[in-house]
Amino acid sequence: MSATPAAPGTLISEVPPGVETERIGYSWAINHALAEEMRRDPRVWMMGQDIGKMGGVFGVTRGLFDEFGPMRVRDTTINETFIVGGAAGAAMTGTIPVVELQFADFGLVAGDEIFHKLAKWRYMHGGKLELPAVVRLPTGVVGGAGAEHSQSLEAMGMHVPGLKVALPATPADAKGLLKSAIRDPNPVLFFEHKGMYRVKGEVPTDDDYLVPFGVAAVRRTGDAATVVATGLMVPRALEAAEKLSAEAGSGAQPSASASNAGARKRNEGIGRSFCGEFPAVS
């Protein structure tokens, strides 16, 4: 017997009933995912500027240097081409590097390494090698970082065959998508919005909690339109939907659109996250 559809305007939890959770922040969920995957698989290691003793410029990797040591949590100089190029080489030799660029904008400095080497080398070698690398890219506007530190460049990655792109919208998303990215045999660009690092939510404590790639999630039901949102725009779209619903009164369930045209009258569903992918070489 099929379940009764939720009424329009119903908010749907991303965590299934009965799953043990803890309430933690978006950045801490990323930290937990990194620690759990490094404990699970000795091939997983990290590299990036100030990710070691400092714990990262945003504090996301704090504590990991103390637990795993300098061989698996490696500080680097300010050299994005080396960080990503080194990840490509290390991935081909059988390890699983998770590298951090302090700001997603500087992924353009490593454009050749991301868009050519990581994305294409498996294909150019007939599928004889894998590049299971994750590039963590803090993205978006926050504070007064300036234009060169505040761009959202995930659309560029979506247009490049050979790359997968993940944009977590909640703390649970951040943990589950990052763990899926680390376990994937293909390179993944992981865009984590800086404006969400302090956002808290319920996150499953299971070490094997994964959010699958390529699967949308309905976060609010409706009956007239579909809003597709990613990353930071998911909670903002939900907030707009609730505001419009209240303004419309009890007789309607208006929501919001994440498009440039602004808020629409109603919606059918607001999604959780995005991970785009191209078929991998078998």
Foldseek 3Di string as FASTA:
>chain_A
DDDDDDDFFDFDDPDDPPFDWDKDFLLQLLLVLLVLVCVVDVLEAEEEACCACNVAPLNSNPPVCVVPNCVRYPHDDLDVLCQLQVLLVSQQVPGEYEYEDNAQLCVVVNVCSPQPRQQPPCVVVQNPTFRLYEYEHAEADDDPPDDSRHHDDQVVVLPGAQEKEKAFAGSQSSNQAVNVSSPDRGYYYYYYYPVRRGPIDIHGPDSPRHDDAPDWDFRGAWDDAAAEDAHNVLVVQQVQQVVLCVVVPPPHRATQHPDPVTGDGHHGGYTGHHMDHDDDRD
